[in-house]
Amino acid sequence: RYGHAYAPMDETLTRAAIDISGRPFLVWKSGFSQPRLGEMDTE
């Protein structure tokens, strides 16, 4: 049911925590300094 992980990638570190709860919710604390990555809009 629960899971969490830290994912380092060079100078970057992101963590994620999950509860397979049946109650959908997102807390997003991340962001980008450019509008696109490749052809994908970062927003």
Full PDB file with SEQRES, HELIX, SHEET, SSBOND, CRYST1, ORIGX, SCALE, CONECT and MASTER records, all heavy atoms in Angstrom:
SEQRES   1 A   43  ARG TYR GLY HIS ALA TYR ALA PRO MET ASP GLU THR LEU          
SEQRES   2 A   43  THR ARG ALA ALA ILE ASP ILE SER GLY ARG PRO PHE LEU          
SEQRES   3 A   43  VAL TRP LYS SER GLY PHE SER GLN PRO ARG LEU GLY GLU          
SEQRES   4 A   43  MET ASP THR GLU                                              
SHEET    1 AA1 2 TYR A   2  MET A   9  0                                        
SHEET    2 AA1 2 THR A  12  ASP A  19 -1                                        
SHEET    1 AA2 2 ARG A  36  LEU A  37  0                                        
SHEET    2 AA2 2 MET A  40  ASP A  41 -1                                        
CRYST1    1.000    1.000    1.000  90.00  90.00  90.00 P 1           1          
ORIGX1      1.000000  0.000000  0.000000        0.00000                         
ORIGX2      0.000000  1.000000  0.000000        0.00000                         
ORIGX3      0.000000  0.000000  1.000000        0.00000                         
SCALE1      1.000000  0.000000  0.000000        0.00000                         
SCALE2      0.000000  1.000000  0.000000        0.00000                         
SCALE3      0.000000  0.000000  1.000000        0.00000                         
ATOM      1  N   ARG A   1       0.799  -1.221   0.000  1.00  0.00           N  
ATOM      2  CA  ARG A   1       0.000   0.000   0.000  1.00  0.00           C  
ATOM      3  C   ARG A   1       0.835   1.275   0.000  1.00  0.00           C  
ATOM      4  O   ARG A   1       0.596   2.172  -0.784  1.00  0.00           O  
ATOM      5  CB  ARG A   1      -0.997   0.027   1.167  1.00  0.00           C  
ATOM      6  CG  ARG A   1      -1.796   1.324   1.234  1.00  0.00           C  
ATOM      7  CD  ARG A   1      -2.842   1.328   2.321  1.00  0.00           C  
ATOM      8  NE  ARG A   1      -3.383   2.669   2.528  1.00  0.00           N  
ATOM      9  CZ  ARG A   1      -4.357   2.965   3.358  1.00  0.00           C  
ATOM     10  NH1 ARG A   1      -4.939   2.014   4.081  1.00  0.00           N  
ATOM     11  NH2 ARG A   1      -4.770   4.216   3.481  1.00  0.00           N  
ATOM     12  N   TYR A   2       1.801   1.392   0.893  1.00  0.00           N  
ATOM     13  CA  TYR A   2       2.623   2.597   0.979  1.00  0.00           C  
ATOM     14  C   TYR A   2       3.975   2.377   0.307  1.00  0.00           C  
ATOM     15  O   TYR A   2       4.515   1.263   0.317  1.00  0.00           O  
ATOM     16  CB  TYR A   2       2.862   2.989   2.445  1.00  0.00           C  
ATOM     17  CG  TYR A   2       1.614   3.426   3.162  1.00  0.00           C  
ATOM     18  CD1 TYR A   2       0.875   2.523   3.932  1.00  0.00           C  
ATOM     19  CD2 TYR A   2       1.160   4.742   3.080  1.00  0.00           C  
ATOM     20  CE1 TYR A   2      -0.273   2.909   4.597  1.00  0.00           C  
ATOM     21  CE2 TYR A   2       0.015   5.145   3.740  1.00  0.00           C  
ATOM     22  CZ  TYR A   2      -0.707   4.230   4.495  1.00  0.00           C  
ATOM     23  OH  TYR A   2      -1.853   4.629   5.146  1.00  0.00           O  
ATOM     24  N   GLY A   3       4.509   3.449  -0.239  1.00  0.00           N  
ATOM     25  CA  GLY A   3       5.840   3.384  -0.816  1.00  0.00           C  
ATOM     26  C   GLY A   3       6.465   4.765  -0.837  1.00  0.00           C  
ATOM     27  O   GLY A   3       5.762   5.776  -0.891  1.00  0.00           O  
ATOM     28  N   HIS A   4       7.774   4.813  -0.755  1.00  0.00           N  
ATOM     29  CA  HIS A   4       8.483   6.088  -0.838  1.00  0.00           C  
ATOM     30  C   HIS A   4       9.865   5.840  -1.421  1.00  0.00           C  
ATOM     31  O   HIS A   4      10.415   4.736  -1.316  1.00  0.00           O  
ATOM     32  CB  HIS A   4       8.596   6.764   0.531  1.00  0.00           C  
ATOM     33  CG  HIS A   4       9.423   5.990   1.506  1.00  0.00           C  
ATOM     34  ND1 HIS A   4       8.903   4.960   2.268  1.00  0.00           N  
ATOM     35  CD2 HIS A   4      10.733   6.068   1.831  1.00  0.00           C  
ATOM     36  CE1 HIS A   4       9.852   4.467   3.027  1.00  0.00           C  
ATOM     37  NE2 HIS A   4      10.978   5.101   2.777  1.00  0.00           N  
ATOM     38  N   ALA A   5      10.406   6.869  -2.053  1.00  0.00           N  
ATOM     39  CA  ALA A   5      11.722   6.713  -2.663  1.00  0.00           C  
ATOM     40  C   ALA A   5      12.361   8.078  -2.878  1.00  0.00           C  
ATOM     41  O   ALA A   5      11.669   9.075  -3.127  1.00  0.00           O  
ATOM     42  CB  ALA A   5      11.611   5.986  -4.000  1.00  0.00           C  
ATOM     43  N   TYR A   6      13.671   8.100  -2.778  1.00  0.00           N  
ATOM     44  CA  TYR A   6      14.480   9.242  -3.190  1.00  0.00           C  
ATOM     45  C   TYR A   6      15.182   8.852  -4.482  1.00  0.00           C  
ATOM     46  O   TYR A   6      15.719   7.740  -4.580  1.00  0.00           O  
ATOM     47  CB  TYR A   6      15.528   9.580  -2.135  1.00  0.00           C  
ATOM     48  CG  TYR A   6      15.000  10.269  -0.901  1.00  0.00           C  
ATOM     49  CD1 TYR A   6      14.367   9.541   0.106  1.00  0.00           C  
ATOM     50  CD2 TYR A   6      15.148  11.637  -0.736  1.00  0.00           C  
ATOM     51  CE1 TYR A   6      13.889  10.167   1.249  1.00  0.00           C  
ATOM     52  CE2 TYR A   6      14.680  12.276   0.404  1.00  0.00           C  
ATOM     53  CZ  TYR A   6      14.055  11.542   1.388  1.00  0.00           C  
ATOM     54  OH  TYR A   6      13.588  12.163   2.513  1.00  0.00           O  
ATOM     55  N   ALA A   7      15.188   9.756  -5.447  1.00  0.00           N  
ATOM     56  CA  ALA A   7      15.874   9.493  -6.711  1.00  0.00           C  
ATOM     57  C   ALA A   7      16.874  10.603  -6.993  1.00  0.00           C  
ATOM     58  O   ALA A   7      16.495  11.690  -7.430  1.00  0.00           O  
ATOM     59  CB  ALA A   7      14.872   9.380  -7.847  1.00  0.00           C  
ATOM     60  N   PRO A   8      18.153  10.357  -6.726  1.00  0.00           N  
ATOM     61  CA  PRO A   8      19.176  11.336  -7.091  1.00  0.00           C  
ATOM     62  C   PRO A   8      19.538  11.198  -8.562  1.00  0.00           C  
ATOM     63  O   PRO A   8      19.580  10.096  -9.100  1.00  0.00           O  
ATOM     64  CB  PRO A   8      20.355  10.957  -6.190  1.00  0.00           C  
ATOM     65  CG  PRO A   8      20.201   9.488  -5.963  1.00  0.00           C  
ATOM     66  CD  PRO A   8      18.722   9.199  -6.022  1.00  0.00           C  
ATOM     67  N   MET A   9      19.791  12.318  -9.195  1.00  0.00           N  
ATOM     68  CA  MET A   9      20.308  12.316 -10.556  1.00  0.00           C  
ATOM     69  C   MET A   9      21.278  13.481 -10.679  1.00  0.00           C  
ATOM     70  O   MET A   9      20.869  14.636 -10.787  1.00  0.00           O  
ATOM     71  CB  MET A   9      19.190  12.421 -11.580  1.00  0.00           C  
ATOM     72  CG  MET A   9      19.674  12.183 -12.993  1.00  0.00           C  
ATOM     73  SD  MET A   9      18.334  11.920 -14.152  1.00  0.00           S  
ATOM     74  CE  MET A   9      19.277  11.553 -15.616  1.00  0.00           C  
ATOM     75  N   ASP A  10      22.552  13.162 -10.568  1.00  0.00           N  
ATOM     76  CA  ASP A  10      23.609  14.179 -10.547  1.00  0.00           C  
ATOM     77  C   ASP A  10      23.304  15.218  -9.470  1.00  0.00           C  
ATOM     78  O   ASP A  10      23.214  14.862  -8.300  1.00  0.00           O  
ATOM     79  CB  ASP A  10      23.790  14.809 -11.931  1.00  0.00           C  
ATOM     80  CG  ASP A  10      24.303  13.802 -12.958  1.00  0.00           C  
ATOM     81  OD1 ASP A  10      24.656  12.680 -12.567  1.00  0.00           O  
ATOM     82  OD2 ASP A  10      24.341  14.140 -14.147  1.00  0.00           O  
ATOM     83  N   GLU A  11      23.071  16.463  -9.847  1.00  0.00           N  
ATOM     84  CA  GLU A  11      22.890  17.540  -8.857  1.00  0.00           C  
ATOM     85  C   GLU A  11      21.463  17.620  -8.314  1.00  0.00           C  
ATOM     86  O   GLU A  11      21.173  18.434  -7.438  1.00  0.00           O  
ATOM     87  CB  GLU A  11      23.276  18.895  -9.489  1.00  0.00           C  
ATOM     88  CG  GLU A  11      22.188  19.623 -10.258  1.00  0.00           C  
ATOM     89  CD  GLU A  11      21.643  18.889 -11.484  1.00  0.00           C  
ATOM     90  OE1 GLU A  11      22.297  17.963 -11.996  1.00  0.00           O  
ATOM     91  OE2 GLU A  11      20.544  19.262 -11.937  1.00  0.00           O  
ATOM     92  N   THR A  12      20.587  16.768  -8.810  1.00  0.00           N  
ATOM     93  CA  THR A  12      19.157  16.843  -8.485  1.00  0.00           C  
ATOM     94  C   THR A  12      18.753  15.706  -7.554  1.00  0.00           C  
ATOM     95  O   THR A  12      19.236  14.584  -7.683  1.00  0.00           O  
ATOM     96  CB  THR A  12      18.329  16.767  -9.780  1.00  0.00           C  
ATOM     97  OG1 THR A  12      18.648  17.881 -10.600  1.00  0.00           O  
ATOM     98  CG2 THR A  12      16.829  16.782  -9.485  1.00  0.00           C  
ATOM     99  N   LEU A  13      17.852  16.018  -6.620  1.00  0.00           N  
ATOM    100  CA  LEU A  13      17.285  14.995  -5.736  1.00  0.00           C  
ATOM    101  C   LEU A  13      15.785  15.225  -5.614  1.00  0.00           C  
ATOM    102  O   LEU A  13      15.336  16.307  -5.233  1.00  0.00           O  
ATOM    103  CB  LEU A  13      17.922  15.045  -4.347  1.00  0.00           C  
ATOM    104  CG  LEU A  13      17.432  13.989  -3.348  1.00  0.00           C  
ATOM    105  CD1 LEU A  13      17.797  12.586  -3.823  1.00  0.00           C  
ATOM    106  CD2 LEU A  13      18.011  14.252  -1.963  1.00  0.00           C  
ATOM    107  N   THR A  14      15.024  14.182  -5.942  1.00  0.00           N  
ATOM    108  CA  THR A  14      13.561  14.228  -5.838  1.00  0.00           C  
ATOM    109  C   THR A  14      13.087  13.060  -4.991  1.00  0.00           C  
ATOM    110  O   THR A  14      13.635  11.964  -5.080  1.00  0.00           O  
ATOM    111  CB  THR A  14      12.906  14.162  -7.229  1.00  0.00           C  
ATOM    112  OG1 THR A  14      13.353  15.270  -8.021  1.00  0.00           O  
ATOM    113  CG2 THR A  14      11.386  14.221  -7.123  1.00  0.00           C  
ATOM    114  N   ARG A  15      12.076  13.315  -4.182  1.00  0.00           N  
ATOM    115  CA  ARG A  15      11.475  12.225  -3.417  1.00  0.00           C  
ATOM    116  C   ARG A  15       9.993  12.106  -3.774  1.00  0.00           C  
ATOM    117  O   ARG A  15       9.340  13.083  -4.130  1.00  0.00           O  
ATOM    118  CB  ARG A  15      11.640  12.439  -1.915  1.00  0.00           C  
ATOM    119  CG  ARG A  15      10.881  13.620  -1.351  1.00  0.00           C  
ATOM    120  CD  ARG A  15      11.161  13.769   0.138  1.00  0.00           C  
ATOM    121  NE  ARG A  15      10.654  15.040   0.651  1.00  0.00           N  
ATOM    122  CZ  ARG A  15      11.061  15.585   1.788  1.00  0.00           C  
ATOM    123  NH1 ARG A  15      11.987  14.988   2.528  1.00  0.00           N  
ATOM    124  NH2 ARG A  15      10.552  16.734   2.193  1.00  0.00           N  
ATOM    125  N   ALA A  16       9.501  10.893  -3.666  1.00  0.00           N  
ATOM    126  CA  ALA A  16       8.088  10.616  -3.897  1.00  0.00           C  
ATOM    127  C   ALA A  16       7.577   9.707  -2.790  1.00  0.00           C  
ATOM    128  O   ALA A  16       8.297   8.821  -2.325  1.00  0.00           O  
ATOM    129  CB  ALA A  16       7.878   9.948  -5.252  1.00  0.00           C  
ATOM    130  N   ALA A  17       6.345   9.951  -2.379  1.00  0.00           N  
ATOM    131  CA  ALA A  17       5.679   9.100  -1.390  1.00  0.00           C  
ATOM    132  C   ALA A  17       4.273   8.798  -1.897  1.00  0.00           C  
ATOM    133  O   ALA A  17       3.589   9.688  -2.412  1.00  0.00           O  
ATOM    134  CB  ALA A  17       5.620   9.786  -0.030  1.00  0.00           C  
ATOM    135  N   ILE A  18       3.870   7.548  -1.749  1.00  0.00           N  
ATOM    136  CA  ILE A  18       2.608   7.063  -2.307  1.00  0.00           C  
ATOM    137  C   ILE A  18       1.794   6.346  -1.237  1.00  0.00           C  
ATOM    138  O   ILE A  18       2.339   5.603  -0.416  1.00  0.00           O  
ATOM    139  CB  ILE A  18       2.877   6.066  -3.453  1.00  0.00           C  
ATOM    140  CG1 ILE A  18       3.324   6.797  -4.713  1.00  0.00           C  
ATOM    141  CG2 ILE A  18       1.658   5.214  -3.761  1.00  0.00           C  
ATOM    142  CD1 ILE A  18       3.605   5.849  -5.856  1.00  0.00           C  
ATOM    143  N   ASP A  19       0.495   6.561  -1.301  1.00  0.00           N  
ATOM    144  CA  ASP A  19      -0.463   5.738  -0.571  1.00  0.00           C  
ATOM    145  C   ASP A  19      -1.510   5.290  -1.583  1.00  0.00           C  
ATOM    146  O   ASP A  19      -2.215   6.127  -2.165  1.00  0.00           O  
ATOM    147  CB  ASP A  19      -1.112   6.547   0.555  1.00  0.00           C  
ATOM    148  CG  ASP A  19      -2.198   5.784   1.299  1.00  0.00           C  
ATOM    149  OD1 ASP A  19      -2.318   4.557   1.117  1.00  0.00           O  
ATOM    150  OD2 ASP A  19      -2.945   6.436   2.075  1.00  0.00           O  
ATOM    151  N   ILE A  20      -1.591   3.998  -1.826  1.00  0.00           N  
ATOM    152  CA  ILE A  20      -2.634   3.468  -2.713  1.00  0.00           C  
ATOM    153  C   ILE A  20      -3.905   3.399  -1.883  1.00  0.00           C  
ATOM    154  O   ILE A  20      -4.282   2.361  -1.345  1.00  0.00           O  
ATOM    155  CB  ILE A  20      -2.233   2.100  -3.296  1.00  0.00           C  
ATOM    156  CG1 ILE A  20      -0.936   2.234  -4.083  1.00  0.00           C  
ATOM    157  CG2 ILE A  20      -3.340   1.567  -4.216  1.00  0.00           C  
ATOM    158  CD1 ILE A  20      -0.404   0.935  -4.639  1.00  0.00           C  
ATOM    159  N   SER A  21      -4.546   4.531  -1.771  1.00  0.00           N  
ATOM    160  CA  SER A  21      -5.571   4.770  -0.764  1.00  0.00           C  
ATOM    161  C   SER A  21      -6.988   4.734  -1.306  1.00  0.00           C  
ATOM    162  O   SER A  21      -7.943   4.627  -0.535  1.00  0.00           O  
ATOM    163  CB  SER A  21      -5.347   6.164  -0.157  1.00  0.00           C  
ATOM    164  OG  SER A  21      -5.404   7.147  -1.193  1.00  0.00           O  
ATOM    165  N   GLY A  22      -7.142   4.871  -2.626  1.00  0.00           N  
ATOM    166  CA  GLY A  22      -8.474   5.088  -3.173  1.00  0.00           C  
ATOM    167  C   GLY A  22      -8.906   6.537  -3.054  1.00  0.00           C  
ATOM    168  O   GLY A  22     -10.016   6.887  -3.452  1.00  0.00           O  
ATOM    169  N   ARG A  23      -8.028   7.387  -2.505  1.00  0.00           N  
ATOM    170  CA  ARG A  23      -8.316   8.824  -2.361  1.00  0.00           C  
ATOM    171  C   ARG A  23      -7.288   9.589  -3.198  1.00  0.00           C  
ATOM    172  O   ARG A  23      -6.189   9.869  -2.726  1.00  0.00           O  
ATOM    173  CB  ARG A  23      -8.233   9.258  -0.895  1.00  0.00           C  
ATOM    174  CG  ARG A  23      -9.275   8.590  -0.005  1.00  0.00           C  
ATOM    175  CD  ARG A  23      -9.250   9.155   1.406  1.00  0.00           C  
ATOM    176  NE  ARG A  23      -7.939   9.115   2.013  1.00  0.00           N  
ATOM    177  CZ  ARG A  23      -7.420   8.039   2.621  1.00  0.00           C  
ATOM    178  NH1 ARG A  23      -8.109   6.917   2.672  1.00  0.00           N  
ATOM    179  NH2 ARG A  23      -6.208   8.089   3.146  1.00  0.00           N  
ATOM    180  N   PRO A  24      -7.642   9.932  -4.423  1.00  0.00           N  
ATOM    181  CA  PRO A  24      -6.677  10.585  -5.306  1.00  0.00           C  
ATOM    182  C   PRO A  24      -6.296  11.974  -4.802  1.00  0.00           C  
ATOM    183  O   PRO A  24      -7.167  12.776  -4.439  1.00  0.00           O  
ATOM    184  CB  PRO A  24      -7.421  10.696  -6.633  1.00  0.00           C  
ATOM    185  CG  PRO A  24      -8.608   9.814  -6.529  1.00  0.00           C  
ATOM    186  CD  PRO A  24      -8.936   9.700  -5.078  1.00  0.00           C  
ATOM    187  N   PHE A  25      -4.998  12.242  -4.783  1.00  0.00           N  
ATOM    188  CA  PHE A  25      -4.522  13.570  -4.377  1.00  0.00           C  
ATOM    189  C   PHE A  25      -3.072  13.701  -4.832  1.00  0.00           C  
ATOM    190  O   PHE A  25      -2.308  12.740  -4.774  1.00  0.00           O  
ATOM    191  CB  PHE A  25      -4.599  13.749  -2.858  1.00  0.00           C  
ATOM    192  CG  PHE A  25      -4.597  15.191  -2.435  1.00  0.00           C  
ATOM    193  CD1 PHE A  25      -5.782  15.898  -2.345  1.00  0.00           C  
ATOM    194  CD2 PHE A  25      -3.413  15.842  -2.155  1.00  0.00           C  
ATOM    195  CE1 PHE A  25      -5.790  17.229  -1.964  1.00  0.00           C  
ATOM    196  CE2 PHE A  25      -3.404  17.170  -1.777  1.00  0.00           C  
ATOM    197  CZ  PHE A  25      -4.597  17.871  -1.679  1.00  0.00           C  
ATOM    198  N   LEU A  26      -2.716  14.885  -5.289  1.00  0.00           N  
ATOM    199  CA  LEU A  26      -1.334  15.157  -5.662  1.00  0.00           C  
ATOM    200  C   LEU A  26      -0.837  16.384  -4.926  1.00  0.00           C  
ATOM    201  O   LEU A  26      -1.482  17.432  -4.924  1.00  0.00           O  
ATOM    202  CB  LEU A  26      -1.195  15.416  -7.170  1.00  0.00           C  
ATOM    203  CG  LEU A  26       0.208  15.863  -7.624  1.00  0.00           C  
ATOM    204  CD1 LEU A  26       1.228  14.730  -7.479  1.00  0.00           C  
ATOM    205  CD2 LEU A  26       0.176  16.390  -9.056  1.00  0.00           C  
ATOM    206  N   VAL A  27       0.321  16.247  -4.295  1.00  0.00           N  
ATOM    207  CA  VAL A  27       1.093  17.384  -3.819  1.00  0.00           C  
ATOM    208  C   VAL A  27       2.334  17.449  -4.704  1.00  0.00           C  
ATOM    209  O   VAL A  27       3.098  16.485  -4.773  1.00  0.00           O  
ATOM    210  CB  VAL A  27       1.488  17.247  -2.337  1.00  0.00           C  
ATOM    211  CG1 VAL A  27       2.413  18.394  -1.927  1.00  0.00           C  
ATOM    212  CG2 VAL A  27       0.242  17.218  -1.467  1.00  0.00           C  
ATOM    213  N   TRP A  28       2.512  18.557  -5.393  1.00  0.00           N  
ATOM    214  CA  TRP A  28       3.601  18.715  -6.361  1.00  0.00           C  
ATOM    215  C   TRP A  28       4.455  19.899  -5.947  1.00  0.00           C  
ATOM    216  O   TRP A  28       3.979  21.036  -5.925  1.00  0.00           O  
ATOM    217  CB  TRP A  28       3.013  18.930  -7.746  1.00  0.00           C  
ATOM    218  CG  TRP A  28       4.013  19.218  -8.830  1.00  0.00           C  
ATOM    219  CD1 TRP A  28       4.389  20.441  -9.298  1.00  0.00           C  
ATOM    220  CD2 TRP A  28       4.756  18.258  -9.600  1.00  0.00           C  
ATOM    221  NE1 TRP A  28       5.309  20.306 -10.313  1.00  0.00           N  
ATOM    222  CE2 TRP A  28       5.556  18.978 -10.514  1.00  0.00           C  
ATOM    223  CE3 TRP A  28       4.816  16.863  -9.596  1.00  0.00           C  
ATOM    224  CZ2 TRP A  28       6.408  18.346 -11.421  1.00  0.00           C  
ATOM    225  CZ3 TRP A  28       5.661  16.237 -10.499  1.00  0.00           C  
ATOM    226  CH2 TRP A  28       6.446  16.968 -11.395  1.00  0.00           C  
ATOM    227  N   LYS A  29       5.684  19.630  -5.590  1.00  0.00           N  
ATOM    228  CA  LYS A  29       6.631  20.688  -5.231  1.00  0.00           C  
ATOM    229  C   LYS A  29       7.879  20.512  -6.096  1.00  0.00           C  
ATOM    230  O   LYS A  29       8.902  20.008  -5.650  1.00  0.00           O  
ATOM    231  CB  LYS A  29       6.967  20.637  -3.741  1.00  0.00           C  
ATOM    232  CG  LYS A  29       5.766  20.942  -2.850  1.00  0.00           C  
ATOM    233  CD  LYS A  29       6.140  21.021  -1.387  1.00  0.00           C  
ATOM    234  CE  LYS A  29       4.927  21.397  -0.543  1.00  0.00           C  
ATOM    235  NZ  LYS A  29       5.287  21.519   0.897  1.00  0.00           N  
ATOM    236  N   SER A  30       7.723  20.877  -7.337  1.00  0.00           N  
ATOM    237  CA  SER A  30       8.805  20.807  -8.286  1.00  0.00           C  
ATOM    238  C   SER A  30       8.573  21.906  -9.309  1.00  0.00           C  
ATOM    239  O   SER A  30       7.506  22.520  -9.327  1.00  0.00           O  
ATOM    240  CB  SER A  30       8.847  19.428  -8.962  1.00  0.00           C  
ATOM    241  OG  SER A  30      10.022  19.274  -9.728  1.00  0.00           O  
ATOM    242  N   GLY A  31       9.550  22.160 -10.134  1.00  0.00           N  
ATOM    243  CA  GLY A  31       9.386  23.212 -11.123  1.00  0.00           C  
ATOM    244  C   GLY A  31      10.545  23.244 -12.087  1.00  0.00           C  
ATOM    245  O   GLY A  31      11.572  22.569 -11.899  1.00  0.00           O  
ATOM    246  N   PHE A  32      10.382  24.039 -13.117  1.00  0.00           N  
ATOM    247  CA  PHE A  32      11.343  24.069 -14.218  1.00  0.00           C  
ATOM    248  C   PHE A  32      11.672  25.513 -14.575  1.00  0.00           C  
ATOM    249  O   PHE A  32      10.845  26.414 -14.422  1.00  0.00           O  
ATOM    250  CB  PHE A  32      10.762  23.336 -15.429  1.00  0.00           C  
ATOM    251  CG  PHE A  32      10.405  21.907 -15.138  1.00  0.00           C  
ATOM    252  CD1 PHE A  32       9.136  21.561 -14.698  1.00  0.00           C  
ATOM    253  CD2 PHE A  32      11.348  20.905 -15.267  1.00  0.00           C  
ATOM    254  CE1 PHE A  32       8.807  20.256 -14.401  1.00  0.00           C  
ATOM    255  CE2 PHE A  32      11.035  19.588 -14.972  1.00  0.00           C  
ATOM    256  CZ  PHE A  32       9.771  19.258 -14.540  1.00  0.00           C  
ATOM    257  N   SER A  33      12.878  25.713 -15.069  1.00  0.00           N  
ATOM    258  CA  SER A  33      13.331  27.049 -15.422  1.00  0.00           C  
ATOM    259  C   SER A  33      13.288  27.304 -16.923  1.00  0.00           C  
ATOM    260  O   SER A  33      13.707  28.360 -17.379  1.00  0.00           O  
ATOM    261  CB  SER A  33      14.760  27.274 -14.899  1.00  0.00           C  
ATOM    262  OG  SER A  33      15.652  26.348 -15.502  1.00  0.00           O  
ATOM    263  N   GLN A  34      12.787  26.329 -17.679  1.00  0.00           N  
ATOM    264  CA  GLN A  34      12.639  26.530 -19.119  1.00  0.00           C  
ATOM    265  C   GLN A  34      11.296  25.962 -19.555  1.00  0.00           C  
ATOM    266  O   GLN A  34      10.746  25.070 -18.904  1.00  0.00           O  
ATOM    267  CB  GLN A  34      13.793  25.859 -19.888  1.00  0.00           C  
ATOM    268  CG  GLN A  34      13.855  24.352 -19.769  1.00  0.00           C  
ATOM    269  CD  GLN A  34      15.141  23.771 -20.352  1.00  0.00           C  
ATOM    270  OE1 GLN A  34      16.235  24.128 -19.929  1.00  0.00           O  
ATOM    271  NE2 GLN A  34      15.009  22.877 -21.334  1.00  0.00           N  
ATOM    272  N   PRO A  35      10.741  26.497 -20.640  1.00  0.00           N  
ATOM    273  CA  PRO A  35       9.386  26.111 -21.028  1.00  0.00           C  
ATOM    274  C   PRO A  35       9.270  24.753 -21.695  1.00  0.00           C  
ATOM    275  O   PRO A  35       8.180  24.180 -21.745  1.00  0.00           O  
ATOM    276  CB  PRO A  35       8.963  27.226 -21.990  1.00  0.00           C  
ATOM    277  CG  PRO A  35      10.243  27.746 -22.563  1.00  0.00           C  
ATOM    278  CD  PRO A  35      11.250  27.613 -21.456  1.00  0.00           C  
ATOM    279  N   ARG A  36      10.381  24.204 -22.231  1.00  0.00           N  
ATOM    280  CA  ARG A  36      10.293  22.944 -22.954  1.00  0.00           C  
ATOM    281  C   ARG A  36      11.498  22.073 -22.665  1.00  0.00           C  
ATOM    282  O   ARG A  36      12.594  22.574 -22.387  1.00  0.00           O  
ATOM    283  CB  ARG A  36      10.224  23.190 -24.466  1.00  0.00           C  
ATOM    284  CG  ARG A  36       9.107  24.106 -24.891  1.00  0.00           C  
ATOM    285  CD  ARG A  36       8.879  24.038 -26.386  1.00  0.00           C  
ATOM    286  NE  ARG A  36       7.592  23.404 -26.623  1.00  0.00           N  
ATOM    287  CZ  ARG A  36       7.180  22.967 -27.804  1.00  0.00           C  
ATOM    288  NH1 ARG A  36       7.952  23.062 -28.853  1.00  0.00           N  
ATOM    289  NH2 ARG A  36       5.996  22.424 -27.939  1.00  0.00           N  
ATOM    290  N   LEU A  37      11.268  20.777 -22.730  1.00  0.00           N  
ATOM    291  CA  LEU A  37      12.333  19.774 -22.714  1.00  0.00           C  
ATOM    292  C   LEU A  37      12.149  18.950 -23.970  1.00  0.00           C  
ATOM    293  O   LEU A  37      11.124  18.269 -24.125  1.00  0.00           O  
ATOM    294  CB  LEU A  37      12.240  18.897 -21.472  1.00  0.00           C  
ATOM    295  CG  LEU A  37      12.836  19.488 -20.195  1.00  0.00           C  
ATOM    296  CD1 LEU A  37      12.459  18.644 -18.994  1.00  0.00           C  
ATOM    297  CD2 LEU A  37      14.346  19.603 -20.306  1.00  0.00           C  
ATOM    298  N   GLY A  38      13.126  19.031 -24.881  1.00  0.00           N  
ATOM    299  CA  GLY A  38      12.881  18.472 -26.197  1.00  0.00           C  
ATOM    300  C   GLY A  38      11.705  19.219 -26.783  1.00  0.00           C  
ATOM    301  O   GLY A  38      11.676  20.447 -26.808  1.00  0.00           O  
ATOM    302  N   GLU A  39      10.693  18.460 -27.199  1.00  0.00           N  
ATOM    303  CA  GLU A  39       9.487  19.104 -27.715  1.00  0.00           C  
ATOM    304  C   GLU A  39       8.358  19.143 -26.691  1.00  0.00           C  
ATOM    305  O   GLU A  39       7.236  19.551 -27.000  1.00  0.00           O  
ATOM    306  CB  GLU A  39       9.024  18.397 -28.991  1.00  0.00           C  
ATOM    307  CG  GLU A  39       8.401  17.025 -28.796  1.00  0.00           C  
ATOM    308  CD  GLU A  39       9.388  15.875 -28.656  1.00  0.00           C  
ATOM    309  OE1 GLU A  39      10.524  16.100 -28.196  1.00  0.00           O  
ATOM    310  OE2 GLU A  39       9.020  14.739 -28.988  1.00  0.00           O  
ATOM    311  N   MET A  40       8.631  18.731 -25.445  1.00  0.00           N  
ATOM    312  CA  MET A  40       7.561  18.656 -24.435  1.00  0.00           C  
ATOM    313  C   MET A  40       7.490  19.913 -23.590  1.00  0.00           C  
ATOM    314  O   MET A  40       8.501  20.409 -23.089  1.00  0.00           O  
ATOM    315  CB  MET A  40       7.763  17.438 -23.527  1.00  0.00           C  
ATOM    316  CG  MET A  40       6.637  17.267 -22.536  1.00  0.00           C  
ATOM    317  SD  MET A  40       6.588  15.622 -21.816  1.00  0.00           S  
ATOM    318  CE  MET A  40       5.314  15.857 -20.570  1.00  0.00           C  
ATOM    319  N   ASP A  41       6.264  20.419 -23.422  1.00  0.00           N  
ATOM    320  CA  ASP A  41       6.035  21.587 -22.579  1.00  0.00           C  
ATOM    321  C   ASP A  41       6.210  21.191 -21.112  1.00  0.00           C  
ATOM    322  O   ASP A  41       5.546  20.269 -20.626  1.00  0.00           O  
ATOM    323  CB  ASP A  41       4.615  22.136 -22.781  1.00  0.00           C  
ATOM    324  CG  ASP A  41       4.373  22.584 -24.216  1.00  0.00           C  
ATOM    325  OD1 ASP A  41       5.337  23.040 -24.859  1.00  0.00           O  
ATOM    326  OD2 ASP A  41       3.222  22.475 -24.685  1.00  0.00           O  
ATOM    327  N   THR A  42       7.080  21.891 -20.399  1.00  0.00           N  
ATOM    328  CA  THR A  42       7.374  21.497 -19.016  1.00  0.00           C  
ATOM    329  C   THR A  42       6.181  21.712 -18.081  1.00  0.00           C  
ATOM    330  O   THR A  42       6.074  21.030 -17.068  1.00  0.00           O  
ATOM    331  CB  THR A  42       8.602  22.252 -18.478  1.00  0.00           C  
ATOM    332  OG1 THR A  42       8.437  23.654 -18.692  1.00  0.00           O  
ATOM    333  CG2 THR A  42       9.876  21.792 -19.163  1.00  0.00           C  
ATOM    334  N   GLU A  43       5.274  22.624 -18.417  1.00  0.00           N  
ATOM    335  CA  GLU A  43       4.104  22.813 -17.559  1.00  0.00           C  
ATOM    336  C   GLU A  43       3.215  21.577 -17.516  1.00  0.00           C  
ATOM    337  O   GLU A  43       2.382  21.431 -16.609  1.00  0.00           O  
ATOM    338  CB  GLU A  43       3.283  24.017 -18.028  1.00  0.00           C  
ATOM    339  CG  GLU A  43       2.528  23.799 -19.332  1.00  0.00           C  
ATOM    340  CD  GLU A  43       1.590  24.948 -19.658  1.00  0.00           C  
ATOM    341  OE1 GLU A  43       1.588  25.941 -18.909  1.00  0.00           O  
ATOM    342  OE2 GLU A  43       0.856  24.835 -20.659  1.00  0.00           O  
TER     343      GLU A  43                                                      
MASTER        0    0    0    0    4    0    0    6  342    1    0    4          
END                                                                             
